[in-house]
């Protein structure tokens, strides 16, 4: 039995609508670029771009919002470049704990992006997980770059220099990020400076006590009067 003409037209319209939805994801429309730097006092600054090629003139691309917990440290603005539209995020003076909250910039990306920075003594470790299994394999551009304040000891990323590592994350896969670097704990540095001052004062007091003890170790006998032993 042949479908009626209205039914056929309806199916064609539905198929066309689905095609318009899928085509942007098949033609390389996804761009996610994140870069950040860590200072020697364990503060993190950087930016994130999340954009797609718009499906129509009303498509503004991914819209990221700042969680209230990061207000004052994160700023979001519109991104328009190379035919892509979306959001650009700037952040500064984040703590390691704040960095974990960057994944909450978008409800849609919850669970797709996880990043963790931890310190154990002088060792700082970065671990991350990025789930791009649902991303289009053709044309997806997802990159993450991080600059450390010291030479990177180990990593599974690409070394751009002694202290900079980049990961280019493939679509259709779940990727892990890993890097370790050693530099002194800023809290320990402050304590070491104070400890040095205390040690210096203690040493000065000890030297003073030692000097007084040395001066008094053999007290000089009382001087006899020049007339004491003479006869009249």
C-alpha atoms as a PDB file:
ATOM      1  CA  UNK A   1       0.000   0.000   0.000  1.00  0.00           C
ATOM      2  CA  UNK A   2       1.511   3.347  -1.049  1.00  0.00           C
ATOM      3  CA  UNK A   3       1.617   6.130   1.561  1.00  0.00           C
ATOM      4  CA  UNK A   4      -0.614   9.085   0.925  1.00  0.00           C
ATOM      5  CA  UNK A   5       0.930  12.280  -0.331  1.00  0.00           C
ATOM      6  CA  UNK A   6       0.393  14.264   2.935  1.00  0.00           C
ATOM      7  CA  UNK A   7       1.952  11.415   4.938  1.00  0.00           C
ATOM      8  CA  UNK A   8       4.942  11.283   2.603  1.00  0.00           C
ATOM      9  CA  UNK A   9       5.436  15.045   2.823  1.00  0.00           C
ATOM     10  CA  UNK A  10       5.233  14.883   6.610  1.00  0.00           C
ATOM     11  CA  UNK A  11       7.929  12.205   6.719  1.00  0.00           C
ATOM     12  CA  UNK A  12      10.122  14.225   4.387  1.00  0.00           C
ATOM     13  CA  UNK A  13       9.745  17.284   6.627  1.00  0.00           C
ATOM     14  CA  UNK A  14      10.571  15.252   9.743  1.00  0.00           C
ATOM     15  CA  UNK A  15      13.618  13.720   8.034  1.00  0.00           C
ATOM     16  CA  UNK A  16      14.783  17.147   6.899  1.00  0.00           C
ATOM     17  CA  UNK A  17      14.419  18.478  10.424  1.00  0.00           C
ATOM     18  CA  UNK A  18      16.494  15.629  11.824  1.00  0.00           C
ATOM     19  CA  UNK A  19      19.082  16.191   9.113  1.00  0.00           C
ATOM     20  CA  UNK A  20      19.384  19.869  10.014  1.00  0.00           C
ATOM     21  CA  UNK A  21      19.943  18.843  13.628  1.00  0.00           C
ATOM     22  CA  UNK A  22      22.551  16.195  12.868  1.00  0.00           C
ATOM     23  CA  UNK A  23      24.495  17.814  10.017  1.00  0.00           C
ATOM     24  CA  UNK A  24      26.326  20.398  12.182  1.00  0.00           C
ATOM     25  CA  UNK A  25      27.671  17.566  14.339  1.00  0.00           C
ATOM     26  CA  UNK A  26      28.807  15.609  11.306  1.00  0.00           C
ATOM     27  CA  UNK A  27      30.602  18.458   9.581  1.00  0.00           C
ATOM     28  CA  UNK A  28      33.037  19.357  12.310  1.00  0.00           C
ATOM     29  CA  UNK A  29      31.152  21.954  14.304  1.00  0.00           C
ATOM     30  CA  UNK A  30      32.480  21.329  17.806  1.00  0.00           C
ATOM     31  CA  UNK A  31      35.299  23.449  19.236  1.00  0.00           C
ATOM     32  CA  UNK A  32      36.419  23.240  22.841  1.00  0.00           C
ATOM     33  CA  UNK A  33      39.723  24.836  23.777  1.00  0.00           C
ATOM     34  CA  UNK A  34      40.862  25.173  27.373  1.00  0.00           C
ATOM     35  CA  UNK A  35      44.138  26.640  28.587  1.00  0.00           C
ATOM     36  CA  UNK A  36      45.278  27.405  32.108  1.00  0.00           C
ATOM     37  CA  UNK A  37      48.386  28.268  34.042  1.00  0.00           C
ATOM     38  CA  UNK A  38      49.356  27.501  37.635  1.00  0.00           C
ATOM     39  CA  UNK A  39      51.421  30.024  39.576  1.00  0.00           C
ATOM     40  CA  UNK A  40      54.011  29.114  42.198  1.00  0.00           C
ATOM     41  CA  UNK A  41      51.504  30.018  44.932  1.00  0.00           C
ATOM     42  CA  UNK A  42      48.998  27.412  43.653  1.00  0.00           C
ATOM     43  CA  UNK A  43      46.629  29.862  41.937  1.00  0.00           C
ATOM     44  CA  UNK A  44      45.071  28.985  38.577  1.00  0.00           C
ATOM     45  CA  UNK A  45      44.133  31.352  35.728  1.00  0.00           C
ATOM     46  CA  UNK A  46      43.101  30.752  32.128  1.00  0.00           C
ATOM     47  CA  UNK A  47      40.259  30.597  29.627  1.00  0.00           C
ATOM     48  CA  UNK A  48      37.847  28.145  28.011  1.00  0.00           C
ATOM     49  CA  UNK A  49      36.168  28.355  24.595  1.00  0.00           C
ATOM     50  CA  UNK A  50      33.083  26.227  23.871  1.00  0.00           C
ATOM     51  CA  UNK A  51      31.575  26.799  20.426  1.00  0.00           C
ATOM     52  CA  UNK A  52      29.788  25.184  17.496  1.00  0.00           C
ATOM     53  CA  UNK A  53      28.882  26.137  13.944  1.00  0.00           C
ATOM     54  CA  UNK A  54      25.332  27.530  14.208  1.00  0.00           C
ATOM     55  CA  UNK A  55      22.498  25.537  12.696  1.00  0.00           C
ATOM     56  CA  UNK A  56      20.635  28.763  11.866  1.00  0.00           C
ATOM     57  CA  UNK A  57      20.760  32.482  12.547  1.00  0.00           C
ATOM     58  CA  UNK A  58      19.106  32.014  15.941  1.00  0.00           C
ATOM     59  CA  UNK A  59      21.607  29.412  17.163  1.00  0.00           C
ATOM     60  CA  UNK A  60      23.915  31.051  19.743  1.00  0.00           C
ATOM     61  CA  UNK A  61      25.932  27.911  20.413  1.00  0.00           C
ATOM     62  CA  UNK A  62      26.826  26.568  23.879  1.00  0.00           C
ATOM     63  CA  UNK A  63      25.801  28.949  26.656  1.00  0.00           C
ATOM     64  CA  UNK A  64      27.930  28.704  29.784  1.00  0.00           C
ATOM     65  CA  UNK A  65      26.958  30.235  33.105  1.00  0.00           C
ATOM     66  CA  UNK A  66      29.054  31.085  36.158  1.00  0.00           C
ATOM     67  CA  UNK A  67      28.164  29.132  39.319  1.00  0.00           C
ATOM     68  CA  UNK A  68      27.560  31.334  42.344  1.00  0.00           C
ATOM     69  CA  UNK A  69      30.483  29.753  44.155  1.00  0.00           C
ATOM     70  CA  UNK A  70      32.874  31.202  41.539  1.00  0.00           C
ATOM     71  CA  UNK A  71      31.330  34.668  41.273  1.00  0.00           C
ATOM     72  CA  UNK A  72      34.011  37.320  41.046  1.00  0.00           C
ATOM     73  CA  UNK A  73      36.600  34.840  39.782  1.00  0.00           C
ATOM     74  CA  UNK A  74      34.985  33.777  36.498  1.00  0.00           C
ATOM     75  CA  UNK A  75      33.655  35.881  33.623  1.00  0.00           C
ATOM     76  CA  UNK A  76      31.695  34.664  30.568  1.00  0.00           C
ATOM     77  CA  UNK A  77      31.335  36.504  27.276  1.00  0.00           C
ATOM     78  CA  UNK A  78      29.981  35.752  23.810  1.00  0.00           C
ATOM     79  CA  UNK A  79      32.327  33.989  21.401  1.00  0.00           C
ATOM     80  CA  UNK A  80      32.173  34.516  17.636  1.00  0.00           C
ATOM     81  CA  UNK A  81      35.125  33.487  15.486  1.00  0.00           C
ATOM     82  CA  UNK A  82      35.817  31.505  12.303  1.00  0.00           C
ATOM     83  CA  UNK A  83      32.106  30.847  11.841  1.00  0.00           C
ATOM     84  CA  UNK A  84      31.772  29.396  15.341  1.00  0.00           C
ATOM     85  CA  UNK A  85      29.476  30.785  18.040  1.00  0.00           C
ATOM     86  CA  UNK A  86      29.317  30.038  21.729  1.00  0.00           C
ATOM     87  CA  UNK A  87      30.878  31.148  24.986  1.00  0.00           C
ATOM     88  CA  UNK A  88      34.324  32.206  26.135  1.00  0.00           C
ATOM     89  CA  UNK A  89      35.181  31.919  29.826  1.00  0.00           C
ATOM     90  CA  UNK A  90      37.958  33.801  31.602  1.00  0.00           C
ATOM     91  CA  UNK A  91      39.011  32.861  35.131  1.00  0.00           C
ATOM     92  CA  UNK A  92      41.731  33.951  37.533  1.00  0.00           C
ATOM     93  CA  UNK A  93      42.987  33.370  41.064  1.00  0.00           C
ATOM     94  CA  UNK A  94      41.217  30.011  41.388  1.00  0.00           C
ATOM     95  CA  UNK A  95      42.234  27.579  44.081  1.00  0.00           C
ATOM     96  CA  UNK A  96      42.732  23.904  43.281  1.00  0.00           C
ATOM     97  CA  UNK A  97      39.287  23.274  44.770  1.00  0.00           C
ATOM     98  CA  UNK A  98      37.740  25.960  42.549  1.00  0.00           C
ATOM     99  CA  UNK A  99      39.100  24.264  39.413  1.00  0.00           C
ATOM    100  CA  UNK A 100      36.933  21.208  40.035  1.00  0.00           C
ATOM    101  CA  UNK A 101      33.835  23.417  39.840  1.00  0.00           C
ATOM    102  CA  UNK A 102      34.554  24.520  36.265  1.00  0.00           C
ATOM    103  CA  UNK A 103      32.706  21.418  35.096  1.00  0.00           C
ATOM    104  CA  UNK A 104      29.477  22.997  36.402  1.00  0.00           C
ATOM    105  CA  UNK A 105      29.626  25.848  33.854  1.00  0.00           C
ATOM    106  CA  UNK A 106      27.152  23.862  31.745  1.00  0.00           C
ATOM    107  CA  UNK A 107      24.434  21.497  32.906  1.00  0.00           C
ATOM    108  CA  UNK A 108      24.696  19.668  29.577  1.00  0.00           C
ATOM    109  CA  UNK A 109      28.368  18.834  30.147  1.00  0.00           C
ATOM    110  CA  UNK A 110      27.886  17.412  33.624  1.00  0.00           C
ATOM    111  CA  UNK A 111      29.906  14.216  33.889  1.00  0.00           C
ATOM    112  CA  UNK A 112      31.688  14.801  30.576  1.00  0.00           C
ATOM    113  CA  UNK A 113      34.545  16.849  31.996  1.00  0.00           C
ATOM    114  CA  UNK A 114      36.365  16.211  35.256  1.00  0.00           C
ATOM    115  CA  UNK A 115      39.583  17.882  36.341  1.00  0.00           C
ATOM    116  CA  UNK A 116      41.372  17.568  39.651  1.00  0.00           C
ATOM    117  CA  UNK A 117      44.509  19.234  41.043  1.00  0.00           C
ATOM    118  CA  UNK A 118      45.974  17.935  44.291  1.00  0.00           C
ATOM    119  CA  UNK A 119      49.092  18.634  46.317  1.00  0.00           C
ATOM    120  CA  UNK A 120      50.972  16.133  48.482  1.00  0.00           C
ATOM    121  CA  UNK A 121      53.977  17.858  49.983  1.00  0.00           C
ATOM    122  CA  UNK A 122      56.004  19.282  47.101  1.00  0.00           C
ATOM    123  CA  UNK A 123      54.264  17.064  44.527  1.00  0.00           C
ATOM    124  CA  UNK A 124      51.345  18.517  42.527  1.00  0.00           C
ATOM    125  CA  UNK A 125      49.312  16.071  40.482  1.00  0.00           C
ATOM    126  CA  UNK A 126      46.759  16.728  37.750  1.00  0.00           C
ATOM    127  CA  UNK A 127      44.223  14.077  36.832  1.00  0.00           C
ATOM    128  CA  UNK A 128      41.311  14.439  34.460  1.00  0.00           C
ATOM    129  CA  UNK A 129      38.690  12.572  32.498  1.00  0.00           C
ATOM    130  CA  UNK A 130      36.971  13.790  29.327  1.00  0.00           C
ATOM    131  CA  UNK A 131      34.074  11.809  27.841  1.00  0.00           C
ATOM    132  CA  UNK A 132      33.677  12.530  24.116  1.00  0.00           C
ATOM    133  CA  UNK A 133      31.927   9.293  23.151  1.00  0.00           C
ATOM    134  CA  UNK A 134      28.894  11.235  21.912  1.00  0.00           C
ATOM    135  CA  UNK A 135      30.917  13.889  20.078  1.00  0.00           C
ATOM    136  CA  UNK A 136      31.125  13.808  16.251  1.00  0.00           C
ATOM    137  CA  UNK A 137      34.288  12.101  15.080  1.00  0.00           C
ATOM    138  CA  UNK A 138      34.621  14.295  11.996  1.00  0.00           C
ATOM    139  CA  UNK A 139      35.972  17.773  12.670  1.00  0.00           C
ATOM    140  CA  UNK A 140      35.761  17.812  16.459  1.00  0.00           C
ATOM    141  CA  UNK A 141      38.512  19.993  17.924  1.00  0.00           C
ATOM    142  CA  UNK A 142      39.003  19.548  21.660  1.00  0.00           C
ATOM    143  CA  UNK A 143      42.274  20.675  23.221  1.00  0.00           C
ATOM    144  CA  UNK A 144      43.515  21.249  26.754  1.00  0.00           C
ATOM    145  CA  UNK A 145      46.783  23.013  27.638  1.00  0.00           C
ATOM    146  CA  UNK A 146      48.276  23.674  31.043  1.00  0.00           C
ATOM    147  CA  UNK A 147      51.413  25.545  32.101  1.00  0.00           C
ATOM    148  CA  UNK A 148      53.091  24.642  35.393  1.00  0.00           C
ATOM    149  CA  UNK A 149      55.544  26.791  37.383  1.00  0.00           C
ATOM    150  CA  UNK A 150      58.232  24.094  37.172  1.00  0.00           C
ATOM    151  CA  UNK A 151      59.407  21.269  34.938  1.00  0.00           C
ATOM    152  CA  UNK A 152      56.840  18.518  34.425  1.00  0.00           C
ATOM    153  CA  UNK A 153      58.103  15.235  35.862  1.00  0.00           C
ATOM    154  CA  UNK A 154      55.655  12.804  34.211  1.00  0.00           C
ATOM    155  CA  UNK A 155      52.648  13.151  31.894  1.00  0.00           C
ATOM    156  CA  UNK A 156      50.603  11.299  29.284  1.00  0.00           C
ATOM    157  CA  UNK A 157      50.173  14.489  27.246  1.00  0.00           C
ATOM    158  CA  UNK A 158      52.383  16.163  24.652  1.00  0.00           C
ATOM    159  CA  UNK A 159      55.187  18.319  26.050  1.00  0.00           C
ATOM    160  CA  UNK A 160      55.246  21.732  24.401  1.00  0.00           C
ATOM    161  CA  UNK A 161      58.164  22.721  26.657  1.00  0.00           C
ATOM    162  CA  UNK A 162      59.597  21.683  30.026  1.00  0.00           C
ATOM    163  CA  UNK A 163      56.628  23.161  31.881  1.00  0.00           C
ATOM    164  CA  UNK A 164      53.764  23.153  29.309  1.00  0.00           C
ATOM    165  CA  UNK A 165      51.663  20.122  28.349  1.00  0.00           C
ATOM    166  CA  UNK A 166      48.886  19.800  25.739  1.00  0.00           C
ATOM    167  CA  UNK A 167      46.283  17.120  25.171  1.00  0.00           C
ATOM    168  CA  UNK A 168      44.370  16.813  21.877  1.00  0.00           C
ATOM    169  CA  UNK A 169      41.360  14.728  22.789  1.00  0.00           C
ATOM    170  CA  UNK A 170      39.815  12.428  20.158  1.00  0.00           C
ATOM    171  CA  UNK A 171      36.071  12.281  19.581  1.00  0.00           C
ATOM    172  CA  UNK A 172      34.255   9.020  20.188  1.00  0.00           C
ATOM    173  CA  UNK A 173      36.494   8.120  23.145  1.00  0.00           C
ATOM    174  CA  UNK A 174      36.942   8.663  26.866  1.00  0.00           C
ATOM    175  CA  UNK A 175      40.343  10.226  27.487  1.00  0.00           C
ATOM    176  CA  UNK A 176      42.350  10.623  30.671  1.00  0.00           C
ATOM    177  CA  UNK A 177      44.733  13.425  31.562  1.00  0.00           C
ATOM    178  CA  UNK A 178      47.691  12.986  33.863  1.00  0.00           C
ATOM    179  CA  UNK A 179      50.690  15.111  34.871  1.00  0.00           C
ATOM    180  CA  UNK A 180      52.936  15.514  37.897  1.00  0.00           C
ATOM    181  CA  UNK A 181      55.288  18.334  38.831  1.00  0.00           C
ATOM    182  CA  UNK A 182      57.378  19.191  41.874  1.00  0.00           C
ATOM    183  CA  UNK A 183      57.700  22.642  43.374  1.00  0.00           C
ATOM    184  CA  UNK A 184      57.675  23.819  46.950  1.00  0.00           C
ATOM    185  CA  UNK A 185      54.411  24.216  48.833  1.00  0.00           C
ATOM    186  CA  UNK A 186      53.695  27.962  49.251  1.00  0.00           C
ATOM    187  CA  UNK A 187      52.485  27.299  52.800  1.00  0.00           C
ATOM    188  CA  UNK A 188      55.720  25.509  53.583  1.00  0.00           C
ATOM    189  CA  UNK A 189      57.727  28.369  52.091  1.00  0.00           C
ATOM    190  CA  UNK A 190      56.008  30.820  54.415  1.00  0.00           C
ATOM    191  CA  UNK A 191      56.582  28.576  57.412  1.00  0.00           C
ATOM    192  CA  UNK A 192      60.212  28.073  56.401  1.00  0.00           C
ATOM    193  CA  UNK A 193      60.743  31.838  56.304  1.00  0.00           C
ATOM    194  CA  UNK A 194      59.212  32.300  59.753  1.00  0.00           C
ATOM    195  CA  UNK A 195      61.153  29.323  61.065  1.00  0.00           C
ATOM    196  CA  UNK A 196      64.347  30.928  59.731  1.00  0.00           C
ATOM    197  CA  UNK A 197      63.596  34.155  61.607  1.00  0.00           C
ATOM    198  CA  UNK A 198      62.889  32.263  64.828  1.00  0.00           C
ATOM    199  CA  UNK A 199      66.036  30.192  64.371  1.00  0.00           C
ATOM    200  CA  UNK A 200      68.067  33.355  63.802  1.00  0.00           C
ATOM    201  CA  UNK A 201      66.755  34.972  66.984  1.00  0.00           C
ATOM    202  CA  UNK A 202      67.329  31.779  68.940  1.00  0.00           C
ATOM    203  CA  UNK A 203      70.884  31.551  67.637  1.00  0.00           C
ATOM    204  CA  UNK A 204      71.568  35.174  68.571  1.00  0.00           C
ATOM    205  CA  UNK A 205      70.294  34.616  72.115  1.00  0.00           C
ATOM    206  CA  UNK A 206      72.351  31.436  72.407  1.00  0.00           C
ATOM    207  CA  UNK A 207      75.488  33.269  71.263  1.00  0.00           C
ATOM    208  CA  UNK A 208      74.874  36.059  73.755  1.00  0.00           C
ATOM    209  CA  UNK A 209      74.450  33.568  76.607  1.00  0.00           C
ATOM    210  CA  UNK A 210      77.571  31.718  75.501  1.00  0.00           C
ATOM    211  CA  UNK A 211      79.570  34.966  75.354  1.00  0.00           C
ATOM    212  CA  UNK A 212      78.464  35.938  78.873  1.00  0.00           C
ATOM    213  CA  UNK A 213      79.346  32.477  80.137  1.00  0.00           C
ATOM    214  CA  UNK A 214      82.791  32.671  78.524  1.00  0.00           C
ATOM    215  CA  UNK A 215      83.507  36.073  80.063  1.00  0.00           C
ATOM    216  CA  UNK A 216      82.529  34.795  83.494  1.00  0.00           C
ATOM    217  CA  UNK A 217      84.152  31.353  83.295  1.00  0.00           C
ATOM    218  CA  UNK A 218      87.346  32.451  85.197  1.00  0.00           C
ATOM    219  CA  UNK A 219      86.573  35.580  87.172  1.00  0.00           C
ATOM    220  CA  UNK A 220      89.703  37.656  87.859  1.00  0.00           C
ATOM    221  CA  UNK A 221      90.950  37.618  91.540  1.00  0.00           C
ATOM    222  CA  UNK A 222      90.481  40.860  93.488  1.00  0.00           C
ATOM    223  CA  UNK A 223      93.414  43.218  93.169  1.00  0.00           C
ATOM    224  CA  UNK A 224      95.570  43.658  96.305  1.00  0.00           C
ATOM    225  CA  UNK A 225      96.238  47.127  97.523  1.00  0.00           C
ATOM    226  CA  UNK A 226      99.757  48.305  96.770  1.00  0.00           C
ATOM    227  CA  UNK A 227     100.156  49.213 100.484  1.00  0.00           C
ATOM    228  CA  UNK A 228      98.664  46.074 101.907  1.00  0.00           C
ATOM    229  CA  UNK A 229     101.879  44.056 102.240  1.00  0.00           C
ATOM    230  CA  UNK A 230     104.337  46.906 103.173  1.00  0.00           C
ATOM    231  CA  UNK A 231     105.753  47.368 106.624  1.00  0.00           C
ATOM    232  CA  UNK A 232     105.621  50.717 108.285  1.00  0.00           C
END
